[in-house]
Amino acid sequence: MRLLIVGLIQGQLSIAARIAMDRGATVTNAETVAQAIAVMRLRGADLVLMDMALSIRELSSAFELDRIRTPIVACGIDVSPQSAADAIRAGAKEFIPLPPDPELIAAILEAVANERQSIVFRDPVMEKTIKMAETFARSEASILITGESGTGKEVIARHIHERSRRASKPFISVNCAAIPDQLLESELFGHEKGAFTGAAGRRIGKFEEADGGTLLLDEISEMEVRLQAKLLRALQERVIDRVGGSKPVPVNIRILATSNRHLADEVAKGTFREDLFYRLNVVSLKLPALRERPQDILALAGHFVEKYSELNGLPCLKLSNDAKRLLLGAAWRGNVRELENAIHRAVLLASGDEIGTDAILLDTPSTTEARRSDPAARALQTAEGLTRSLVGKTVGEVEQHLILETLDHCLGNRTHAAKILGISIRTLRNKLNEYVAGGMALPDTGR
C-alpha cells in the first residue's frame, strides 16, 4: 500500500503517518498541492491523505484532468461537520478527524487495499465502458457482457456485482463451456438423491448458492438449447427445478452473462433461443479489445509487473523503453490475458536492471512472424500506438515526457540529451529547473 500524505508532516499528521507505516503502508510526503500532483504523475500512490488546510478541490480537479483515480481522504483537527461535508463535495472520498484513531486508519487502508485496482485502465474508451457498467450495476437488470476472448468480461462482471445492492451476497460464476452438457444441468440447478446413477444425496446447485446475490453464466452461448429453456423459466418465474425434484425452489438472484460470440447471429442460426436472448439482453455491455484502448497497454503492463514480481519474490524492475515500444506495437489478439501471460514470463526471464525486449515472448506466432518479415509494418504499428497513447495529454506534458525519456536514454548526460532534442543546454536546464520547482525529484547526474 503506497500512501501519499499531503501537508506538513508534524503534530497529529505525523502520528497518522506512523500509524500507517506500522500497518504496512509505504509513506511519501508532499507539502503542497503542486508537489502532490508531481509525485502522482511520477510515482503514483494507492491512497492520498490530505490536510484540509490545503485545497482539496485543486488536487481533485488535477486528478480528474490527468485521469488519476486514487482516492483522497481529508483530515483535520477540530473540523466542523459542515467543513467535513464541504471536503467530501470538493472531491474527498472520506474524512477522518485528527488526532487519528489507529483502527479507523487501519480500516481505511484495508478498504482501499481490497478495492485497489480490481480493474486497471487509463484509456478514455475503457473509462466510458467502466462508467456505463457502474451505472448499470445499481439496477436489478440482467446484463449481457460481450467482447473478444481475454478482454476481461468476468472481471467486469465482478466489478458490477461489487457495486450493486447485492455486493454483500454471494457472487457465483459458472463457465458453461467448461462443463459437459450432461453435467451442467445438475451444476446449475442441483439434484435430489437418486435423480440419476451416482446421485447419492441432494446437491445444491449454483442458482441456490447464489441466492440473494449474483450468478454469472460465463460463455452462455455454449449452453445447449434444451437447457436454455429451463434457464428461461428460472429467469421468468424466479424458481428452479432440481434434477429429480418434485417441487419448485424459489431463488432471488441477478443474472449476468458473457459471450465472445454475437448471440444475435447464434439466434439466426437456431443455436440460441431468441426469447432467452432478449431476456438476458436487457442491458448490453461490449468490452473493447485491447488494441482499441492503447493507453491501457502500459498501465496494465506495469500493474502485472508489480503483481508477478511480488508473487514470485523478485525485485520489481522497470520496463525498458524498447520493451514499451514492443508492447505498444503488438497486435494482442489474446487481449489482456495474452498481455498478462507475456508480462508474467518477462518478470521471470528478465535479467539486469530492467525488463528488456529479450524477456518479452509474445503468444501469437503470426504477430512475431509479421514483425520479423515486415519491419515497416511493425514500425507503423508502433508509431500508431505511441501516437494514440498521447491523446488526452497537454503539449507541456508531452514535452516533459519527451525530455525526461531522452535524458533517461542518455543516462542523465544533459549535453547529449540536448543535442538529441535539438535544443540548447541552457534551454534544457531551464526546463529541468521548472520540473524541480514543481516538486519533481530529478537525479543529479550527467553534465
Protein backbone atom coordinates (compact mmCIF):
# COMPACT_ATOMS: atom_id res chain seq x y z
CA MET A 1 0.00 0.00 0.00
CA ARG A 2 1.50 3.35 -1.10
CA LEU A 3 0.21 6.29 0.91
CA LEU A 4 0.85 9.90 -0.09
CA ILE A 5 0.38 12.40 2.75
CA VAL A 6 -0.19 15.95 1.51
CA GLY A 7 0.66 18.66 4.05
CA LEU A 8 3.33 19.36 6.63
CA ILE A 9 4.11 16.15 8.48
CA GLN A 10 4.12 17.43 12.00
CA GLY A 11 1.93 17.08 15.05
CA GLN A 12 -1.13 14.90 14.54
CA LEU A 13 -0.36 14.31 10.85
CA SER A 14 3.00 12.77 11.79
CA ILE A 15 1.16 10.45 14.20
CA ALA A 16 -1.15 9.40 11.34
CA ALA A 17 1.92 8.71 9.19
CA ARG A 18 3.47 6.50 11.87
CA ILE A 19 0.22 4.57 12.34
CA ALA A 20 0.01 3.95 8.59
CA MET A 21 3.63 2.74 8.45
CA ASP A 22 3.01 0.44 11.42
CA ARG A 23 0.13 -1.05 9.40
CA GLY A 24 2.47 -1.77 6.48
CA ALA A 25 1.99 1.31 4.29
CA THR A 26 4.84 2.96 2.41
CA VAL A 27 4.50 6.69 3.11
CA THR A 28 5.55 9.54 0.81
CA ASN A 29 5.11 13.22 1.66
CA ALA A 30 4.27 16.26 -0.46
CA GLU A 31 3.93 19.58 1.35
CA THR A 32 1.94 21.39 -1.37
CA VAL A 33 -0.72 20.53 -3.94
CA ALA A 34 1.76 21.17 -6.78
CA GLN A 35 4.22 18.73 -5.24
CA ALA A 36 1.46 16.18 -4.75
CA ILE A 37 0.48 16.37 -8.43
CA ALA A 38 4.13 15.93 -9.45
CA VAL A 39 4.52 12.90 -7.17
CA MET A 40 1.36 11.28 -8.54
CA ARG A 41 2.48 11.82 -12.13
CA LEU A 42 5.96 10.49 -11.43
CA ARG A 43 5.40 7.61 -8.98
CA GLY A 44 1.70 7.35 -8.15
CA ALA A 45 0.07 6.18 -4.91
CA ASP A 46 -2.82 3.98 -3.81
CA LEU A 47 -4.27 6.49 -1.34
CA VAL A 48 -3.90 10.20 -0.60
CA LEU A 49 -4.31 11.54 2.95
CA MET A 50 -4.64 15.32 2.71
CA ASP A 51 -4.62 18.10 5.27
CA MET A 52 -7.81 20.15 4.94
CA ALA A 53 -5.75 23.34 5.28
CA LEU A 54 -4.81 22.76 1.62
CA SER A 55 -7.15 22.91 -1.36
CA ILE A 56 -8.79 19.55 -1.84
CA ARG A 57 -10.72 20.86 -4.83
CA GLU A 58 -7.50 21.89 -6.60
CA LEU A 59 -5.97 18.42 -6.16
CA SER A 60 -9.21 16.66 -7.08
CA SER A 61 -9.56 18.76 -10.26
CA ALA A 62 -5.97 17.98 -11.24
CA PHE A 63 -6.65 14.27 -10.69
CA GLU A 64 -9.71 14.48 -12.92
CA LEU A 65 -7.77 16.17 -15.72
CA ASP A 66 -5.00 13.56 -15.52
CA ARG A 67 -7.50 10.69 -15.11
CA ILE A 68 -5.90 9.76 -11.79
CA ARG A 69 -8.38 7.67 -9.80
CA THR A 70 -6.57 7.48 -6.48
CA PRO A 71 -9.00 8.22 -3.62
CA ILE A 72 -8.41 11.30 -1.45
CA VAL A 73 -9.10 11.13 2.29
CA ALA A 74 -9.32 14.51 4.03
CA CYS A 75 -8.19 15.02 7.62
CA GLY A 76 -8.07 17.88 10.10
CA ILE A 77 -8.22 18.98 13.74
CA ASP A 78 -11.45 20.31 15.29
CA VAL A 79 -13.27 20.27 11.94
CA SER A 80 -16.98 21.07 11.94
CA PRO A 81 -19.48 18.72 10.27
CA GLN A 82 -20.11 21.40 7.63
CA SER A 83 -16.39 21.62 6.77
CA ALA A 84 -16.16 17.83 6.56
CA ALA A 85 -19.15 17.80 4.20
CA ASP A 86 -17.52 20.53 2.10
CA ALA A 87 -14.37 18.40 1.82
CA ILE A 88 -16.42 15.49 0.50
CA ARG A 89 -18.13 17.76 -2.02
CA ALA A 90 -14.72 19.07 -3.10
CA GLY A 91 -13.61 15.59 -4.08
CA ALA A 92 -12.54 13.73 -0.93
CA LYS A 93 -13.85 10.19 -0.63
CA GLU A 94 -13.73 10.13 3.17
CA PHE A 95 -12.96 12.39 6.14
CA ILE A 96 -11.10 11.35 9.28
CA PRO A 97 -10.64 13.60 12.32
CA LEU A 98 -7.32 14.27 14.00
CA PRO A 99 -5.98 13.09 16.44
CA PRO A 100 -6.13 9.90 14.38
CA ASP A 101 -7.84 6.72 15.54
CA PRO A 102 -5.47 3.81 14.70
CA GLU A 103 -8.35 1.43 13.98
CA LEU A 104 -10.03 3.94 11.67
CA ILE A 105 -6.83 4.43 9.65
CA ALA A 106 -6.33 0.66 9.53
CA ALA A 107 -9.89 0.19 8.26
CA ILE A 108 -9.41 2.78 5.51
CA LEU A 109 -6.10 1.24 4.42
CA GLU A 110 -7.71 -2.21 4.34
CA ALA A 111 -10.72 -0.97 2.37
CA VAL A 112 -8.52 0.69 -0.24
CA ALA A 113 -6.28 -2.38 -0.45
CA ASN A 114 -9.30 -4.61 -1.07
CA GLU A 115 -10.77 -2.28 -3.67
CA ARG A 116 -7.47 -1.28 -5.29
CA GLN A 117 -7.20 -1.82 -9.00
CA SER A 118 -9.58 -4.70 -9.49
CA ILE A 119 -9.76 -3.05 -12.89
CA VAL A 120 -6.72 -1.23 -14.27
CA PHE A 121 -7.48 1.23 -17.04
CA ARG A 122 -6.38 4.60 -18.36
CA ASP A 123 -7.79 4.79 -21.86
CA PRO A 124 -10.89 7.02 -22.39
CA VAL A 125 -12.58 4.22 -24.34
CA MET A 126 -12.35 1.88 -21.35
CA GLU A 127 -13.23 4.68 -18.95
CA LYS A 128 -16.52 5.16 -20.78
CA THR A 129 -17.22 1.43 -20.57
CA ILE A 130 -16.50 1.32 -16.82
CA LYS A 131 -18.78 4.28 -16.14
CA MET A 132 -21.56 2.58 -18.08
CA ALA A 133 -21.03 -0.65 -16.13
CA GLU A 134 -21.19 1.19 -12.80
CA THR A 135 -24.42 2.90 -13.87
CA PHE A 136 -25.97 -0.46 -14.75
CA ALA A 137 -24.69 -2.01 -11.51
CA ARG A 138 -27.21 -0.10 -9.41
CA SER A 139 -30.15 -1.68 -11.23
CA GLU A 140 -31.51 -5.23 -11.00
CA ALA A 141 -31.48 -5.74 -14.77
CA SER A 142 -29.83 -8.74 -16.39
CA ILE A 143 -26.68 -7.72 -18.25
CA LEU A 144 -25.14 -9.38 -21.30
CA ILE A 145 -21.39 -8.70 -21.44
CA THR A 146 -19.78 -9.32 -24.81
CA GLY A 147 -16.29 -8.94 -26.20
CA GLU A 148 -13.36 -10.90 -27.56
CA SER A 149 -11.72 -13.63 -25.53
CA GLY A 150 -9.36 -12.23 -22.92
CA THR A 151 -10.84 -8.73 -22.66
CA GLY A 152 -11.86 -9.19 -19.01
CA LYS A 153 -15.57 -9.98 -19.15
CA GLU A 154 -15.57 -11.85 -15.83
CA VAL A 155 -13.56 -9.04 -14.20
CA ILE A 156 -16.23 -6.54 -15.30
CA ALA A 157 -18.96 -8.86 -14.03
CA ARG A 158 -17.36 -8.97 -10.58
CA HIS A 159 -16.97 -5.18 -10.69
CA ILE A 160 -20.70 -4.83 -11.40
CA HIS A 161 -21.58 -7.15 -8.50
CA GLU A 162 -19.29 -5.30 -6.07
CA ARG A 163 -21.04 -2.02 -6.89
CA SER A 164 -24.56 -3.41 -6.77
CA ARG A 165 -27.01 -3.61 -3.90
CA ARG A 166 -26.18 -7.32 -3.76
CA ALA A 167 -22.48 -6.77 -3.02
CA SER A 168 -22.71 -8.35 0.47
CA LYS A 169 -24.22 -11.52 -1.00
CA PRO A 170 -22.51 -14.30 -2.99
CA PHE A 171 -21.03 -13.90 -6.46
CA ILE A 172 -21.10 -17.30 -8.18
CA SER A 173 -19.56 -17.93 -11.59
CA VAL A 174 -20.23 -20.91 -13.87
CA ASN A 175 -18.26 -21.50 -17.07
CA CYS A 176 -20.84 -23.05 -19.38
CA ALA A 177 -18.16 -24.03 -21.92
CA ALA A 178 -16.06 -25.97 -19.40
CA ILE A 179 -18.78 -28.32 -18.10
CA PRO A 180 -20.20 -31.17 -20.23
CA ASP A 181 -23.85 -30.72 -21.20
CA GLN A 182 -24.98 -33.75 -19.18
CA LEU A 183 -23.46 -32.30 -16.01
CA LEU A 184 -24.26 -28.62 -16.49
CA GLU A 185 -27.94 -29.01 -15.59
CA SER A 186 -27.08 -30.56 -12.22
CA GLU A 187 -24.31 -27.96 -11.68
CA LEU A 188 -26.76 -25.09 -12.20
CA PHE A 189 -29.97 -26.41 -10.67
CA GLY A 190 -28.79 -29.12 -8.30
CA HIS A 191 -30.29 -32.60 -7.93
CA GLU A 192 -32.17 -34.79 -5.46
CA LYS A 193 -30.95 -38.07 -4.07
CA GLY A 194 -31.45 -40.87 -6.60
CA ALA A 195 -32.09 -38.49 -9.50
CA PHE A 196 -29.57 -40.44 -11.59
CA THR A 197 -26.93 -43.12 -11.15
CA GLY A 198 -24.38 -41.90 -8.63
CA ALA A 199 -26.65 -39.26 -7.06
CA ALA A 200 -26.11 -40.48 -3.51
CA GLY A 201 -27.58 -37.40 -1.90
CA ARG A 202 -29.15 -33.99 -2.52
CA ARG A 203 -26.88 -31.42 -4.13
CA ILE A 204 -27.48 -27.67 -4.09
CA GLY A 205 -26.84 -26.06 -7.49
CA LYS A 206 -25.27 -22.72 -8.37
CA PHE A 207 -28.65 -20.97 -8.52
CA GLU A 208 -29.28 -21.75 -4.87
CA GLU A 209 -25.67 -21.00 -3.88
CA ALA A 210 -26.08 -17.53 -5.40
CA ASP A 211 -29.41 -16.85 -3.68
CA GLY A 212 -29.61 -13.15 -2.78
CA GLY A 213 -26.55 -12.39 -4.88
CA THR A 214 -25.34 -12.59 -8.48
CA LEU A 215 -24.93 -15.57 -10.81
CA LEU A 216 -22.54 -15.19 -13.75
CA LEU A 217 -23.15 -17.53 -16.68
CA ASP A 218 -19.81 -17.34 -18.46
CA GLU A 219 -19.79 -18.17 -22.19
CA ILE A 220 -23.53 -18.77 -22.20
CA SER A 221 -23.53 -19.26 -25.98
CA GLU A 222 -22.13 -22.77 -25.33
CA MET A 223 -25.25 -23.90 -23.43
CA GLU A 224 -27.40 -26.47 -25.24
CA VAL A 225 -30.86 -25.39 -26.40
CA ARG A 226 -32.75 -27.82 -24.08
CA LEU A 227 -31.07 -26.34 -21.03
CA GLN A 228 -31.70 -22.82 -22.32
CA ALA A 229 -35.43 -23.46 -21.95
CA LYS A 230 -35.01 -24.39 -18.29
CA LEU A 231 -32.86 -21.30 -17.74
CA LEU A 232 -35.52 -19.11 -19.32
CA ARG A 233 -38.15 -20.43 -16.89
CA ALA A 234 -35.84 -19.72 -13.95
CA LEU A 235 -35.35 -16.13 -15.14
CA GLN A 236 -39.03 -15.50 -15.77
CA GLU A 237 -40.55 -17.16 -12.71
CA ARG A 238 -37.64 -16.90 -10.23
CA VAL A 239 -37.97 -20.58 -9.39
CA ILE A 240 -35.85 -23.59 -10.32
CA ASP A 241 -36.41 -27.33 -10.51
CA ARG A 242 -33.70 -29.56 -9.13
CA VAL A 243 -32.97 -32.60 -11.29
CA GLY A 244 -35.27 -35.30 -9.95
CA GLY A 245 -37.13 -32.80 -7.79
CA SER A 246 -40.88 -32.73 -7.25
CA LYS A 247 -41.45 -29.08 -6.30
CA PRO A 248 -40.07 -25.73 -7.48
CA VAL A 249 -37.45 -23.94 -5.36
CA PRO A 250 -37.70 -20.12 -5.23
CA VAL A 251 -34.48 -18.16 -5.85
CA ASN A 252 -33.62 -14.47 -5.66
CA ILE A 253 -30.67 -13.78 -7.92
CA ARG A 254 -29.44 -11.38 -10.55
CA ILE A 255 -28.13 -12.91 -13.77
CA LEU A 256 -25.07 -11.67 -15.64
CA ALA A 257 -23.98 -13.48 -18.78
CA THR A 258 -20.93 -13.30 -21.04
CA SER A 259 -20.24 -14.38 -24.59
CA ASN A 260 -17.41 -13.92 -27.07
CA ARG A 261 -19.83 -14.67 -29.89
CA HIS A 262 -22.53 -12.46 -31.40
CA LEU A 263 -25.63 -14.00 -29.84
CA ALA A 264 -27.88 -12.40 -32.44
CA ASP A 265 -26.03 -14.47 -35.06
CA GLU A 266 -26.47 -17.60 -32.92
CA VAL A 267 -30.21 -16.85 -32.75
CA ALA A 268 -30.32 -16.63 -36.54
CA LYS A 269 -28.55 -20.00 -36.76
CA GLY A 270 -31.04 -21.57 -34.37
CA THR A 271 -28.40 -22.47 -31.76
CA PHE A 272 -29.62 -19.91 -29.21
CA ARG A 273 -33.19 -19.21 -28.17
CA GLU A 274 -34.47 -15.82 -29.24
CA ASP A 275 -36.67 -15.38 -26.16
CA LEU A 276 -33.72 -16.13 -23.86
CA PHE A 277 -31.52 -13.70 -25.80
CA TYR A 278 -33.99 -10.86 -25.24
CA ARG A 279 -34.41 -11.85 -21.59
CA LEU A 280 -30.65 -11.67 -21.00
CA ASN A 281 -30.04 -8.67 -23.21
CA VAL A 282 -31.99 -6.18 -21.08
CA VAL A 283 -28.71 -4.27 -20.89
CA SER A 284 -25.78 -4.93 -23.23
CA LEU A 285 -22.19 -4.06 -22.40
CA LYS A 286 -19.47 -4.56 -25.02
CA LEU A 287 -15.87 -4.60 -23.85
CA PRO A 288 -13.37 -3.06 -26.28
CA ALA A 289 -10.42 -5.13 -27.45
CA LEU A 290 -7.03 -4.15 -26.00
CA ARG A 291 -5.91 -2.80 -29.39
CA GLU A 292 -8.89 -0.39 -29.24
CA ARG A 293 -7.68 1.07 -25.92
CA PRO A 294 -3.92 1.56 -26.43
CA GLN A 295 -3.44 3.78 -23.38
CA ASP A 296 -4.28 0.77 -21.20
CA ILE A 297 -1.39 -1.35 -22.51
CA LEU A 298 1.43 0.18 -20.48
CA ALA A 299 -0.81 0.77 -17.45
CA LEU A 300 -1.75 -2.93 -17.41
CA ALA A 301 1.83 -3.99 -18.12
CA GLY A 302 3.08 -2.00 -15.12
CA HIS A 303 0.35 -3.50 -12.94
CA PHE A 304 1.28 -7.04 -13.98
CA VAL A 305 4.99 -6.39 -13.42
CA GLU A 306 4.24 -5.37 -9.82
CA LYS A 307 1.83 -8.26 -9.30
CA TYR A 308 4.11 -11.04 -10.54
CA SER A 309 7.29 -9.58 -9.07
CA GLU A 310 5.64 -9.66 -5.64
CA LEU A 311 4.09 -13.08 -6.24
CA ASN A 312 7.45 -14.61 -7.19
CA GLY A 313 9.52 -12.74 -4.61
CA LEU A 314 11.50 -10.91 -7.28
CA PRO A 315 12.63 -7.28 -7.45
CA CYS A 316 10.18 -5.05 -9.32
CA LEU A 317 12.04 -3.92 -12.45
CA LYS A 318 11.07 -1.18 -14.88
CA LEU A 319 10.18 -1.92 -18.48
CA SER A 320 12.82 -0.59 -20.84
CA ASN A 321 11.83 1.95 -23.49
CA ASP A 322 12.31 -0.66 -26.22
CA ALA A 323 10.12 -3.09 -24.29
CA LYS A 324 7.39 -0.44 -24.01
CA ARG A 325 7.55 0.19 -27.76
CA LEU A 326 7.30 -3.55 -28.40
CA LEU A 327 4.24 -3.85 -26.18
CA LEU A 328 2.55 -0.86 -27.85
CA GLY A 329 3.22 -2.32 -31.28
CA ALA A 330 1.92 -5.83 -30.63
CA ALA A 331 -1.45 -6.96 -32.04
CA TRP A 332 -2.66 -8.53 -28.74
CA ARG A 333 -5.11 -10.92 -30.34
CA GLY A 334 -5.44 -12.56 -26.94
CA ASN A 335 -6.12 -9.17 -25.36
CA VAL A 336 -5.45 -8.60 -21.65
CA ARG A 337 -4.99 -12.31 -20.96
CA GLU A 338 -2.21 -12.52 -23.55
CA LEU A 339 -0.57 -9.36 -22.17
CA GLU A 340 -0.71 -10.75 -18.63
CA ASN A 341 0.91 -14.03 -19.71
CA ALA A 342 3.62 -12.16 -21.63
CA ILE A 343 4.45 -9.94 -18.63
CA HIS A 344 4.44 -12.88 -16.21
CA ARG A 345 7.02 -14.64 -18.39
CA ALA A 346 9.01 -11.42 -18.76
CA VAL A 347 9.23 -10.97 -14.98
CA LEU A 348 10.64 -14.49 -14.67
CA LEU A 349 13.05 -14.18 -17.61
CA ALA A 350 14.32 -10.64 -17.03
CA SER A 351 17.95 -10.11 -16.08
CA GLY A 352 19.81 -6.92 -15.33
CA ASP A 353 18.34 -3.64 -14.13
CA GLU A 354 15.21 -3.59 -16.31
CA ILE A 355 12.88 -5.75 -18.38
CA GLY A 356 14.07 -5.70 -21.97
CA THR A 357 12.64 -6.96 -25.25
CA ASP A 358 14.56 -10.23 -24.93
CA ALA A 359 12.35 -11.18 -21.96
CA ILE A 360 9.06 -10.48 -23.75
CA LEU A 361 7.83 -13.52 -25.68
CA LEU A 362 4.51 -12.94 -27.39
CA ASP A 363 1.91 -15.70 -27.60
CA THR A 364 0.78 -15.18 -31.17
CA PRO A 365 3.13 -16.75 -33.74
CA SER A 366 1.65 -14.71 -36.61
CA THR A 367 2.39 -11.49 -34.75
CA THR A 368 6.02 -12.45 -34.24
CA GLU A 369 6.38 -13.60 -37.85
CA ALA A 370 4.83 -10.41 -39.21
CA ARG A 371 7.15 -8.34 -37.08
CA ARG A 372 10.19 -10.24 -38.37
CA SER A 373 9.19 -10.23 -42.03
CA ASP A 374 7.85 -6.69 -42.28
CA PRO A 375 9.83 -4.17 -40.19
CA ALA A 376 7.97 -1.30 -41.86
CA ALA A 377 4.62 -2.64 -40.70
CA ARG A 378 5.99 -3.07 -37.20
CA ALA A 379 7.32 0.49 -37.18
CA LEU A 380 3.98 1.84 -38.43
CA GLN A 381 2.02 -0.11 -35.83
CA THR A 382 4.35 1.06 -33.05
CA ALA A 383 4.09 4.66 -34.22
CA GLU A 384 0.31 4.46 -34.29
CA GLY A 385 0.25 3.03 -30.76
CA LEU A 386 2.56 5.72 -29.45
CA THR A 387 0.53 8.45 -31.14
CA ARG A 388 -2.75 7.20 -29.70
CA SER A 389 -1.17 6.99 -26.24
CA LEU A 390 -0.58 10.76 -26.33
CA VAL A 391 -4.26 11.59 -26.79
CA GLY A 392 -5.62 13.48 -23.78
CA LYS A 393 -2.26 14.89 -22.73
CA THR A 394 -1.31 18.57 -22.87
CA VAL A 395 1.56 19.84 -25.01
CA GLY A 396 3.50 20.59 -21.82
CA GLU A 397 3.05 17.04 -20.54
CA VAL A 398 4.18 15.54 -23.87
CA GLU A 399 7.23 17.85 -23.88
CA GLN A 400 8.09 16.88 -20.30
CA HIS A 401 7.73 13.17 -21.11
CA LEU A 402 9.99 13.52 -24.18
CA ILE A 403 12.67 15.43 -22.28
CA LEU A 404 12.75 13.01 -19.34
CA GLU A 405 12.72 9.92 -21.57
CA THR A 406 15.59 11.33 -23.66
CA LEU A 407 17.55 12.20 -20.52
CA ASP A 408 16.99 8.68 -19.23
CA HIS A 409 18.16 7.26 -22.57
CA CYS A 410 21.36 9.35 -22.25
CA LEU A 411 21.94 8.10 -18.69
CA GLY A 412 21.50 11.61 -17.34
CA ASN A 413 24.03 13.28 -19.67
CA ARG A 414 22.34 16.63 -20.30
CA THR A 415 24.71 17.76 -23.04
CA HIS A 416 23.99 14.63 -25.08
CA ALA A 417 20.27 14.85 -24.38
CA ALA A 418 20.14 18.49 -25.53
CA LYS A 419 21.79 17.52 -28.84
CA ILE A 420 19.27 14.74 -29.47
CA LEU A 421 16.36 17.04 -28.59
CA GLY A 422 17.72 19.81 -30.85
CA ILE A 423 17.72 22.41 -28.07
CA SER A 424 20.44 24.31 -26.26
CA ILE A 425 21.84 23.02 -23.00
CA ARG A 426 20.60 26.23 -21.38
CA THR A 427 17.02 25.57 -22.54
CA LEU A 428 17.22 22.00 -21.23
CA ARG A 429 18.49 23.17 -17.85
CA ASN A 430 15.71 25.75 -17.62
CA LYS A 431 13.10 23.09 -18.33
CA LEU A 432 14.55 20.74 -15.73
CA ASN A 433 14.63 23.56 -13.18
CA GLU A 434 10.91 24.14 -13.86
CA TYR A 435 10.18 20.47 -13.15
CA VAL A 436 12.18 20.57 -9.91
CA ALA A 437 10.39 23.76 -8.83
CA GLY A 438 7.10 21.90 -9.41
CA GLY A 439 8.14 19.25 -6.91
CA MET A 440 9.66 16.64 -9.23
CA ALA A 441 12.79 14.88 -8.00
CA LEU A 442 15.49 14.52 -10.69
CA PRO A 443 18.72 12.56 -10.35
CA ASP A 444 21.79 14.77 -10.18
CA THR A 445 23.78 13.00 -12.88
CA GLY A 446 25.43 13.95 -16.13
CA ARG A 447 26.58 17.39 -17.23
